[in-house]
């Protein structure tokens, strides 16, 4: 599938570029409601923690996911019940600090090859998204297409070097005060 139009609306960069690095199989019936680069007053983006919010369910698929995947995940540092409907998971990415910082700067093409491969593999069965993802990870291969779509000189795109906007931290930080939550720590 070729790119014939620009992807026009904002999407969570943390969900597209970080969640795939958790190696949680795409197509699982349990997916996060949203993901974030931080949690205001708790984790700053520089803390290198991915925040994922899951809808709590009582069905066997969710219970199995929580027990066998979430609670056993090597990156999981905190699992917090926010309320009767939602669970917040905190994943540590401190081993990928350079990649994390490149993501925060919007330097998707600077990600390590292993990280790029995991992201591409995660989206490989979704051709509509995969071509966009690949254009963000490997922009040199797509400068000509984007030049035509944006009606700008290709040299401008080469100068910028990236084809995807930087994360909008107003949208990529969870803004919910700790004291407003009914917190129950699951781990410990």
N, C-alpha and C. Protein backbone atom coordinates (compact mmCIF):
# COMPACT_ATOMS: atom_id res chain seq x y z
N UNK A 1 0.85 -1.18 0.00
CA UNK A 1 0.00 0.00 0.00
C UNK A 1 0.89 1.24 0.00
N UNK A 2 0.59 2.18 -0.85
CA UNK A 2 1.38 3.41 -0.96
C UNK A 2 0.71 4.54 -0.19
N UNK A 3 1.51 5.50 0.21
CA UNK A 3 0.98 6.68 0.90
C UNK A 3 0.41 7.61 -0.16
N UNK A 4 -0.88 7.92 -0.03
CA UNK A 4 -1.52 8.81 -1.00
C UNK A 4 -2.07 10.08 -0.33
N UNK A 5 -2.02 10.11 0.99
CA UNK A 5 -2.47 11.28 1.74
C UNK A 5 -1.68 11.34 3.04
N UNK A 6 -1.62 12.53 3.61
CA UNK A 6 -0.93 12.69 4.88
C UNK A 6 -1.82 12.22 6.01
N UNK A 7 -1.20 11.73 7.06
CA UNK A 7 -1.96 11.36 8.24
C UNK A 7 -2.23 12.65 8.99
N UNK A 8 -3.47 13.10 9.01
CA UNK A 8 -3.79 14.45 9.42
C UNK A 8 -3.99 14.73 10.88
N UNK A 9 -4.39 13.77 11.66
CA UNK A 9 -4.70 14.08 13.05
C UNK A 9 -3.59 13.60 13.99
N UNK A 10 -3.55 14.16 15.19
CA UNK A 10 -2.54 13.78 16.16
C UNK A 10 -2.80 12.36 16.66
N UNK A 11 -1.73 11.61 16.84
CA UNK A 11 -1.82 10.30 17.45
C UNK A 11 -0.79 10.20 18.56
N UNK A 12 -1.10 9.38 19.58
CA UNK A 12 -0.21 9.22 20.72
C UNK A 12 1.09 8.57 20.25
N UNK A 13 2.17 9.31 20.32
CA UNK A 13 3.48 8.78 19.93
C UNK A 13 3.90 7.67 20.89
N UNK A 14 3.54 7.80 22.17
CA UNK A 14 3.89 6.77 23.14
C UNK A 14 3.23 5.43 22.78
N UNK A 15 2.03 5.48 22.25
CA UNK A 15 1.31 4.26 21.92
C UNK A 15 1.88 3.61 20.65
N UNK A 16 2.26 4.43 19.69
CA UNK A 16 2.76 3.92 18.41
C UNK A 16 4.22 3.48 18.50
N UNK A 17 5.04 4.25 19.20
CA UNK A 17 6.48 3.97 19.20
C UNK A 17 7.00 3.26 20.45
N UNK A 18 6.27 3.29 21.56
CA UNK A 18 6.75 2.64 22.79
C UNK A 18 6.00 1.37 23.14
N UNK A 19 4.69 1.40 23.05
CA UNK A 19 3.92 0.22 23.43
C UNK A 19 4.38 -1.04 22.68
N UNK A 20 4.70 -0.95 21.38
CA UNK A 20 5.18 -2.16 20.69
C UNK A 20 6.45 -2.75 21.29
N UNK A 21 7.23 -1.94 22.01
CA UNK A 21 8.48 -2.42 22.59
C UNK A 21 8.25 -3.29 23.83
N UNK A 22 7.02 -3.36 24.28
CA UNK A 22 6.69 -4.22 25.43
C UNK A 22 6.56 -5.69 25.01
N UNK A 23 6.55 -5.94 23.71
CA UNK A 23 6.40 -7.30 23.19
C UNK A 23 5.09 -7.96 23.62
N UNK A 24 4.07 -7.14 23.82
CA UNK A 24 2.73 -7.66 24.08
C UNK A 24 2.08 -7.82 22.72
N UNK A 25 1.68 -9.02 22.43
CA UNK A 25 1.19 -9.37 21.11
C UNK A 25 0.05 -8.45 20.64
N UNK A 26 0.21 -7.93 19.43
CA UNK A 26 -0.86 -7.12 18.83
C UNK A 26 -2.04 -8.04 18.55
N UNK A 27 -3.22 -7.53 18.74
CA UNK A 27 -4.40 -8.35 18.52
C UNK A 27 -4.93 -8.95 19.81
N UNK A 28 -4.22 -8.71 20.91
CA UNK A 28 -4.70 -9.17 22.21
C UNK A 28 -6.03 -8.47 22.49
N UNK A 29 -6.90 -9.15 23.19
CA UNK A 29 -8.19 -8.54 23.52
C UNK A 29 -8.03 -7.46 24.59
N UNK A 30 -6.85 -7.41 25.20
CA UNK A 30 -6.57 -6.41 26.22
C UNK A 30 -5.55 -5.43 25.67
N UNK A 31 -5.98 -4.21 25.46
CA UNK A 31 -5.10 -3.15 24.98
C UNK A 31 -5.33 -1.93 25.86
N UNK A 32 -4.32 -1.08 25.97
CA UNK A 32 -4.50 0.08 26.83
C UNK A 32 -5.51 1.08 26.26
N UNK A 33 -6.23 1.72 27.16
CA UNK A 33 -7.12 2.81 26.76
C UNK A 33 -6.27 3.94 26.21
N UNK A 34 -5.15 4.21 26.89
CA UNK A 34 -4.24 5.27 26.45
C UNK A 34 -2.87 5.01 27.06
N UNK A 35 -1.86 5.61 26.46
CA UNK A 35 -0.49 5.54 26.98
C UNK A 35 0.06 6.95 27.07
N UNK A 36 1.09 7.10 27.91
CA UNK A 36 1.67 8.43 28.14
C UNK A 36 3.17 8.32 28.39
N UNK A 37 3.89 9.41 28.10
CA UNK A 37 5.32 9.52 28.40
C UNK A 37 5.56 9.89 29.86
N UNK A 38 4.53 10.23 30.59
CA UNK A 38 4.69 10.61 31.98
C UNK A 38 3.36 10.82 32.65
N UNK A 39 3.44 11.09 33.95
CA UNK A 39 2.26 11.32 34.78
C UNK A 39 2.58 12.55 35.61
N UNK A 40 1.87 13.63 35.39
CA UNK A 40 2.15 14.92 36.05
C UNK A 40 2.29 14.74 37.56
N UNK A 41 3.34 15.33 38.09
CA UNK A 41 3.64 15.31 39.53
C UNK A 41 4.05 13.93 40.05
N UNK A 42 4.15 12.94 39.18
CA UNK A 42 4.57 11.62 39.60
C UNK A 42 5.80 11.17 38.79
N UNK A 43 5.65 11.10 37.46
CA UNK A 43 6.74 10.71 36.57
C UNK A 43 6.87 11.74 35.45
N UNK A 44 8.05 12.35 35.36
CA UNK A 44 8.34 13.27 34.25
C UNK A 44 8.80 12.43 33.06
N UNK A 45 8.70 12.97 31.85
CA UNK A 45 9.19 12.23 30.69
C UNK A 45 10.64 11.76 30.85
N UNK A 46 11.44 12.54 31.56
CA UNK A 46 12.85 12.20 31.77
C UNK A 46 13.03 10.98 32.67
N UNK A 47 11.98 10.55 33.35
CA UNK A 47 12.06 9.37 34.22
C UNK A 47 12.02 8.07 33.43
N UNK A 48 11.75 8.17 32.14
CA UNK A 48 11.79 7.04 31.21
C UNK A 48 10.81 5.93 31.61
N UNK A 49 9.59 6.35 31.91
CA UNK A 49 8.53 5.42 32.31
C UNK A 49 7.33 5.59 31.37
N UNK A 50 6.89 4.50 30.80
CA UNK A 50 5.68 4.49 29.99
C UNK A 50 4.51 4.21 30.91
N UNK A 51 3.51 5.08 30.83
CA UNK A 51 2.29 4.92 31.62
C UNK A 51 1.21 4.37 30.69
N UNK A 52 0.59 3.28 31.07
CA UNK A 52 -0.48 2.70 30.27
C UNK A 52 -1.71 2.51 31.16
N UNK A 53 -2.84 2.94 30.66
CA UNK A 53 -4.09 2.78 31.41
C UNK A 53 -4.93 1.71 30.73
N UNK A 54 -5.33 0.73 31.52
CA UNK A 54 -6.16 -0.37 31.04
C UNK A 54 -7.53 -0.31 31.69
N UNK A 55 -8.53 -0.69 30.93
CA UNK A 55 -9.88 -0.83 31.48
C UNK A 55 -9.93 -2.15 32.23
N UNK A 56 -10.35 -2.09 33.48
CA UNK A 56 -10.48 -3.31 34.28
C UNK A 56 -11.67 -4.12 33.78
N UNK A 57 -11.46 -5.40 33.70
CA UNK A 57 -12.52 -6.31 33.28
C UNK A 57 -12.47 -7.54 34.18
N UNK A 58 -13.56 -8.27 34.22
CA UNK A 58 -13.58 -9.48 35.05
C UNK A 58 -13.70 -10.75 34.23
N UNK A 59 -13.50 -10.64 32.90
CA UNK A 59 -13.57 -11.82 32.05
C UNK A 59 -12.25 -12.60 32.09
N UNK A 60 -12.29 -13.84 31.66
CA UNK A 60 -11.12 -14.72 31.74
C UNK A 60 -9.94 -14.22 30.91
N UNK A 61 -10.21 -13.58 29.77
CA UNK A 61 -9.11 -13.07 28.94
C UNK A 61 -8.34 -11.98 29.68
N UNK A 62 -9.05 -11.06 30.32
CA UNK A 62 -8.37 -10.01 31.06
C UNK A 62 -7.62 -10.58 32.27
N UNK A 63 -8.26 -11.45 33.00
CA UNK A 63 -7.63 -12.04 34.18
C UNK A 63 -6.36 -12.78 33.78
N UNK A 64 -6.41 -13.52 32.70
CA UNK A 64 -5.23 -14.22 32.19
C UNK A 64 -4.14 -13.23 31.76
N UNK A 65 -4.53 -12.17 31.07
CA UNK A 65 -3.57 -11.14 30.64
C UNK A 65 -2.88 -10.51 31.85
N UNK A 66 -3.66 -10.13 32.84
CA UNK A 66 -3.08 -9.50 34.03
C UNK A 66 -2.13 -10.46 34.75
N UNK A 67 -2.57 -11.70 34.93
CA UNK A 67 -1.78 -12.68 35.68
C UNK A 67 -0.54 -13.14 34.92
N UNK A 68 -0.68 -13.44 33.64
CA UNK A 68 0.40 -14.08 32.88
C UNK A 68 1.27 -13.13 32.07
N UNK A 69 0.77 -11.95 31.78
CA UNK A 69 1.56 -11.02 30.97
C UNK A 69 1.94 -9.79 31.78
N UNK A 70 0.94 -9.10 32.28
CA UNK A 70 1.20 -7.83 32.97
C UNK A 70 2.04 -8.03 34.24
N UNK A 71 1.58 -8.87 35.14
CA UNK A 71 2.27 -9.04 36.42
C UNK A 71 3.64 -9.70 36.28
N UNK A 72 3.87 -10.41 35.18
CA UNK A 72 5.16 -11.06 34.96
C UNK A 72 6.08 -10.25 34.04
N UNK A 73 5.60 -9.09 33.59
CA UNK A 73 6.38 -8.32 32.61
C UNK A 73 7.64 -7.75 33.26
N UNK A 74 8.76 -7.93 32.58
CA UNK A 74 10.05 -7.50 33.12
C UNK A 74 10.18 -5.98 33.24
N UNK A 75 9.42 -5.22 32.50
CA UNK A 75 9.48 -3.75 32.56
C UNK A 75 8.51 -3.15 33.58
N UNK A 76 7.57 -3.93 34.07
CA UNK A 76 6.55 -3.42 34.98
C UNK A 76 7.17 -3.03 36.32
N UNK A 77 6.93 -1.78 36.74
CA UNK A 77 7.42 -1.33 38.05
C UNK A 77 6.27 -1.03 39.00
N UNK A 78 5.13 -0.64 38.50
CA UNK A 78 3.97 -0.34 39.32
C UNK A 78 2.70 -0.73 38.59
N UNK A 79 1.75 -1.22 39.34
CA UNK A 79 0.42 -1.49 38.83
C UNK A 79 -0.53 -0.90 39.87
N UNK A 80 -1.28 0.10 39.47
CA UNK A 80 -2.09 0.86 40.41
C UNK A 80 -3.54 0.87 39.96
N UNK A 81 -4.43 0.46 40.84
CA UNK A 81 -5.85 0.54 40.55
C UNK A 81 -6.27 1.98 40.77
N UNK A 82 -6.71 2.63 39.69
CA UNK A 82 -7.09 4.04 39.78
C UNK A 82 -8.49 4.21 40.35
N UNK A 83 -9.38 3.33 39.95
CA UNK A 83 -10.76 3.37 40.40
C UNK A 83 -11.37 2.01 40.06
N UNK A 84 -12.68 1.89 40.14
CA UNK A 84 -13.32 0.60 39.87
C UNK A 84 -13.22 0.17 38.42
N UNK A 85 -12.88 1.12 37.52
CA UNK A 85 -12.89 0.82 36.10
C UNK A 85 -11.52 0.79 35.43
N UNK A 86 -10.49 1.35 36.09
CA UNK A 86 -9.21 1.52 35.40
C UNK A 86 -8.01 1.12 36.26
N UNK A 87 -7.02 0.58 35.56
CA UNK A 87 -5.75 0.18 36.15
C UNK A 87 -4.64 0.92 35.42
N UNK A 88 -3.67 1.43 36.16
CA UNK A 88 -2.54 2.13 35.59
C UNK A 88 -1.29 1.26 35.74
N UNK A 89 -0.60 1.02 34.64
CA UNK A 89 0.64 0.25 34.66
C UNK A 89 1.80 1.17 34.31
N UNK A 90 2.89 1.03 35.05
CA UNK A 90 4.09 1.82 34.81
C UNK A 90 5.19 0.87 34.35
N UNK A 91 5.75 1.16 33.17
CA UNK A 91 6.79 0.32 32.60
C UNK A 91 8.10 1.12 32.52
N UNK A 92 9.18 0.51 32.94
CA UNK A 92 10.50 1.16 32.97
C UNK A 92 11.24 0.92 31.65
N UNK A 93 11.68 2.02 31.03
CA UNK A 93 12.44 1.95 29.79
C UNK A 93 13.85 2.51 29.96
N UNK A 94 14.38 2.47 31.18
CA UNK A 94 15.69 3.09 31.44
C UNK A 94 16.82 2.42 30.65
N UNK A 95 16.64 1.18 30.22
CA UNK A 95 17.66 0.52 29.40
C UNK A 95 17.65 1.06 27.96
N UNK A 96 16.64 1.81 27.60
CA UNK A 96 16.52 2.38 26.25
C UNK A 96 16.48 3.91 26.30
N UNK A 97 17.26 4.49 27.20
CA UNK A 97 17.23 5.94 27.41
C UNK A 97 17.53 6.72 26.13
N UNK A 98 18.51 6.29 25.34
CA UNK A 98 18.84 7.01 24.10
C UNK A 98 17.66 6.99 23.13
N UNK A 99 17.04 5.83 22.96
CA UNK A 99 15.87 5.74 22.08
C UNK A 99 14.72 6.58 22.63
N UNK A 100 14.51 6.50 23.93
CA UNK A 100 13.45 7.29 24.58
C UNK A 100 13.65 8.78 24.30
N UNK A 101 14.88 9.26 24.49
CA UNK A 101 15.17 10.67 24.27
C UNK A 101 14.99 11.06 22.81
N UNK A 102 15.35 10.19 21.90
CA UNK A 102 15.10 10.46 20.48
C UNK A 102 13.60 10.55 20.20
N UNK A 103 12.82 9.71 20.83
CA UNK A 103 11.36 9.79 20.67
C UNK A 103 10.83 11.13 21.18
N UNK A 104 11.29 11.54 22.34
CA UNK A 104 10.83 12.82 22.90
C UNK A 104 11.20 14.00 22.00
N UNK A 105 12.32 13.89 21.31
CA UNK A 105 12.76 14.96 20.40
C UNK A 105 12.12 14.84 19.02
N UNK A 106 11.36 13.77 18.78
CA UNK A 106 10.77 13.56 17.46
C UNK A 106 11.78 13.09 16.44
N UNK A 107 12.84 12.46 16.90
CA UNK A 107 13.90 11.95 16.02
C UNK A 107 13.70 10.44 15.82
N UNK A 108 12.60 10.10 15.17
CA UNK A 108 12.22 8.70 14.99
C UNK A 108 13.20 7.95 14.11
N UNK A 109 13.79 8.62 13.15
CA UNK A 109 14.76 7.98 12.27
C UNK A 109 16.07 7.65 13.00
N UNK A 110 16.27 8.20 14.17
CA UNK A 110 17.50 7.97 14.95
C UNK A 110 17.37 6.81 15.93
N UNK A 111 16.22 6.18 15.97
CA UNK A 111 16.04 5.02 16.85
C UNK A 111 16.98 3.90 16.42
N UNK A 112 17.38 3.07 17.37
CA UNK A 112 18.26 1.96 17.03
C UNK A 112 17.53 0.98 16.11
N UNK A 113 18.31 0.23 15.38
CA UNK A 113 17.73 -0.71 14.42
C UNK A 113 16.84 -1.74 15.10
N UNK A 114 17.24 -2.22 16.29
CA UNK A 114 16.41 -3.21 17.01
C UNK A 114 15.06 -2.63 17.41
N UNK A 115 15.06 -1.39 17.85
CA UNK A 115 13.80 -0.73 18.22
C UNK A 115 12.93 -0.53 16.98
N UNK A 116 13.54 -0.06 15.91
CA UNK A 116 12.78 0.12 14.66
C UNK A 116 12.18 -1.20 14.20
N UNK A 117 12.95 -2.26 14.29
CA UNK A 117 12.48 -3.58 13.85
C UNK A 117 11.27 -4.03 14.67
N UNK A 118 11.33 -3.84 16.00
CA UNK A 118 10.21 -4.24 16.86
C UNK A 118 8.94 -3.46 16.52
N UNK A 119 9.11 -2.16 16.29
CA UNK A 119 7.95 -1.32 15.96
C UNK A 119 7.36 -1.76 14.62
N UNK A 120 8.21 -1.93 13.62
CA UNK A 120 7.74 -2.36 12.29
C UNK A 120 7.06 -3.72 12.35
N UNK A 121 7.64 -4.63 13.09
CA UNK A 121 7.06 -5.97 13.22
C UNK A 121 5.69 -5.92 13.88
N UNK A 122 5.56 -5.08 14.88
CA UNK A 122 4.28 -4.94 15.59
C UNK A 122 3.15 -4.53 14.63
N UNK A 123 3.49 -3.69 13.66
CA UNK A 123 2.48 -3.19 12.73
C UNK A 123 2.45 -3.93 11.40
N UNK A 124 3.21 -5.01 11.25
CA UNK A 124 3.36 -5.65 9.95
C UNK A 124 2.07 -6.18 9.33
N UNK A 125 1.09 -6.53 10.13
CA UNK A 125 -0.16 -7.04 9.57
C UNK A 125 -1.22 -5.96 9.38
N UNK A 126 -0.84 -4.73 9.62
CA UNK A 126 -1.76 -3.61 9.43
C UNK A 126 -1.15 -2.69 8.37
N UNK A 127 -1.34 -3.05 7.11
CA UNK A 127 -0.67 -2.33 6.03
C UNK A 127 -1.03 -0.86 5.98
N UNK A 128 -2.22 -0.50 6.39
CA UNK A 128 -2.61 0.92 6.36
C UNK A 128 -1.71 1.73 7.29
N UNK A 129 -1.45 1.23 8.47
CA UNK A 129 -0.58 1.92 9.42
C UNK A 129 0.89 1.66 9.15
N UNK A 130 1.22 0.47 8.70
CA UNK A 130 2.62 0.09 8.55
C UNK A 130 3.38 1.02 7.60
N UNK A 131 2.77 1.40 6.53
CA UNK A 131 3.47 2.26 5.57
C UNK A 131 3.77 3.63 6.19
N UNK A 132 2.84 4.15 6.98
CA UNK A 132 3.09 5.42 7.68
C UNK A 132 4.21 5.25 8.71
N UNK A 133 4.12 4.19 9.50
CA UNK A 133 5.13 3.93 10.52
C UNK A 133 6.51 3.82 9.87
N UNK A 134 6.60 3.08 8.80
CA UNK A 134 7.88 2.93 8.11
C UNK A 134 8.38 4.26 7.56
N UNK A 135 7.47 5.11 7.13
CA UNK A 135 7.91 6.43 6.62
C UNK A 135 8.48 7.28 7.75
N UNK A 136 8.01 7.08 8.96
CA UNK A 136 8.53 7.83 10.11
C UNK A 136 9.88 7.27 10.56
N UNK A 137 10.02 5.96 10.49
CA UNK A 137 11.26 5.32 10.93
C UNK A 137 12.37 5.41 9.89
N UNK A 138 11.99 5.39 8.61
CA UNK A 138 12.95 5.41 7.50
C UNK A 138 12.58 6.52 6.52
N UNK A 139 12.64 7.78 6.96
CA UNK A 139 12.13 8.89 6.15
C UNK A 139 12.84 9.08 4.81
N UNK A 140 14.09 8.74 4.71
CA UNK A 140 14.83 8.95 3.45
C UNK A 140 14.14 8.25 2.29
N UNK A 141 13.52 7.12 2.55
CA UNK A 141 12.83 6.36 1.51
C UNK A 141 11.51 7.01 1.07
N UNK A 142 11.08 8.03 1.81
CA UNK A 142 9.75 8.60 1.58
C UNK A 142 9.77 10.11 1.31
N UNK A 143 10.95 10.71 1.30
CA UNK A 143 11.03 12.16 1.10
C UNK A 143 10.32 12.61 -0.18
N UNK A 144 10.50 11.87 -1.25
CA UNK A 144 9.90 12.27 -2.53
C UNK A 144 8.37 12.25 -2.46
N UNK A 145 7.82 11.22 -1.86
CA UNK A 145 6.35 11.11 -1.73
C UNK A 145 5.81 12.27 -0.89
N UNK A 146 6.44 12.51 0.26
CA UNK A 146 5.98 13.59 1.14
C UNK A 146 6.18 14.96 0.50
N UNK A 147 7.23 15.11 -0.28
CA UNK A 147 7.48 16.36 -0.98
C UNK A 147 6.31 16.68 -1.90
N UNK A 148 5.84 15.68 -2.61
CA UNK A 148 4.69 15.86 -3.51
C UNK A 148 3.41 16.13 -2.72
N UNK A 149 3.18 15.37 -1.67
CA UNK A 149 1.96 15.54 -0.88
C UNK A 149 1.90 16.90 -0.19
N UNK A 150 3.05 17.35 0.32
CA UNK A 150 3.11 18.63 1.02
C UNK A 150 3.33 19.82 0.08
N UNK A 151 3.68 19.49 -1.15
CA UNK A 151 4.00 20.51 -2.16
C UNK A 151 5.10 21.44 -1.66
N UNK A 152 6.18 20.80 -1.17
CA UNK A 152 7.37 21.53 -0.74
C UNK A 152 8.58 20.91 -1.43
N UNK A 153 9.64 21.68 -1.49
CA UNK A 153 10.87 21.19 -2.08
C UNK A 153 11.44 20.06 -1.23
N UNK A 154 11.91 19.02 -1.88
CA UNK A 154 12.44 17.85 -1.18
C UNK A 154 13.62 18.22 -0.28
N UNK A 155 14.36 19.27 -0.66
CA UNK A 155 15.52 19.69 0.15
C UNK A 155 15.09 20.14 1.55
N UNK A 156 13.89 20.71 1.66
CA UNK A 156 13.37 21.13 2.96
C UNK A 156 13.14 19.91 3.85
N UNK A 157 12.56 18.87 3.29
CA UNK A 157 12.31 17.64 4.06
C UNK A 157 13.63 16.99 4.46
N UNK A 158 14.60 17.01 3.56
CA UNK A 158 15.91 16.44 3.89
C UNK A 158 16.58 17.24 5.00
N UNK A 159 16.38 18.53 4.99
CA UNK A 159 16.96 19.39 6.03
C UNK A 159 16.33 19.09 7.39
N UNK A 160 15.01 18.94 7.42
CA UNK A 160 14.31 18.62 8.66
C UNK A 160 14.66 17.19 9.09
N UNK A 161 14.64 16.29 8.16
CA UNK A 161 15.06 14.91 8.41
C UNK A 161 14.00 13.97 8.94
N UNK A 162 12.89 14.48 9.40
CA UNK A 162 11.83 13.64 9.97
C UNK A 162 10.51 13.94 9.27
N UNK A 163 9.64 12.94 9.24
CA UNK A 163 8.34 13.09 8.57
C UNK A 163 7.15 12.99 9.52
N UNK A 164 7.43 12.98 10.80
CA UNK A 164 6.37 12.87 11.81
C UNK A 164 6.62 13.94 12.87
N UNK A 165 5.56 14.56 13.34
CA UNK A 165 5.69 15.61 14.35
C UNK A 165 6.20 15.05 15.68
N UNK A 166 6.79 15.93 16.47
CA UNK A 166 7.26 15.56 17.80
C UNK A 166 6.06 15.26 18.70
N UNK A 167 6.30 14.52 19.77
CA UNK A 167 5.21 14.28 20.72
C UNK A 167 4.72 15.60 21.32
N UNK A 168 3.43 15.73 21.44
CA UNK A 168 2.82 16.88 22.10
C UNK A 168 2.68 16.50 23.58
N UNK A 169 3.55 17.05 24.41
CA UNK A 169 3.57 16.63 25.80
C UNK A 169 2.32 17.03 26.58
N UNK A 170 1.55 17.97 26.06
CA UNK A 170 0.25 18.27 26.69
C UNK A 170 -0.69 17.07 26.54
N UNK A 171 -0.51 16.31 25.46
CA UNK A 171 -1.35 15.14 25.21
C UNK A 171 -0.69 13.85 25.66
N UNK A 172 0.62 13.89 25.85
CA UNK A 172 1.38 12.68 26.16
C UNK A 172 1.74 12.56 27.64
N UNK A 173 1.19 13.45 28.47
CA UNK A 173 1.37 13.37 29.92
C UNK A 173 -0.01 13.19 30.54
N UNK A 174 -0.11 12.25 31.46
CA UNK A 174 -1.36 12.04 32.18
C UNK A 174 -1.49 13.14 33.22
N UNK A 175 -2.54 13.93 33.12
CA UNK A 175 -2.78 15.03 34.06
C UNK A 175 -3.94 14.67 34.97
N UNK A 176 -3.66 13.88 35.95
CA UNK A 176 -4.66 13.52 36.94
C UNK A 176 -3.93 13.55 38.27
N UNK A 177 -4.38 14.37 39.16
CA UNK A 177 -3.71 14.54 40.45
C UNK A 177 -3.78 13.26 41.26
N UNK A 178 -2.69 12.96 41.92
CA UNK A 178 -2.62 11.75 42.74
C UNK A 178 -3.68 11.77 43.81
N UNK A 179 -3.89 12.89 44.48
CA UNK A 179 -4.87 12.93 45.57
C UNK A 179 -6.30 12.76 45.08
N UNK A 180 -6.53 12.91 43.76
CA UNK A 180 -7.87 12.72 43.22
C UNK A 180 -8.19 11.25 42.95
N UNK A 181 -7.18 10.41 43.06
CA UNK A 181 -7.37 9.01 42.70
C UNK A 181 -7.59 8.14 43.92
N UNK A 182 -8.32 7.07 43.73
CA UNK A 182 -8.46 6.06 44.77
C UNK A 182 -7.36 5.03 44.51
N UNK A 183 -6.17 5.29 45.00
CA UNK A 183 -5.02 4.47 44.64
C UNK A 183 -4.92 3.23 45.52
N UNK A 184 -4.76 2.11 44.84
CA UNK A 184 -4.45 0.85 45.49
C UNK A 184 -3.27 0.27 44.74
N UNK A 185 -2.12 0.18 45.39
CA UNK A 185 -0.96 -0.42 44.74
C UNK A 185 -1.14 -1.92 44.69
N UNK A 186 -0.94 -2.48 43.52
CA UNK A 186 -1.09 -3.92 43.34
C UNK A 186 0.23 -4.64 43.63
N UNK A 187 1.32 -4.02 43.23
CA UNK A 187 2.63 -4.63 43.47
C UNK A 187 3.08 -4.30 44.88
N UNK A 188 4.01 -4.99 45.41
CA UNK A 188 4.65 -4.80 46.72
C UNK A 188 4.50 -6.02 47.54
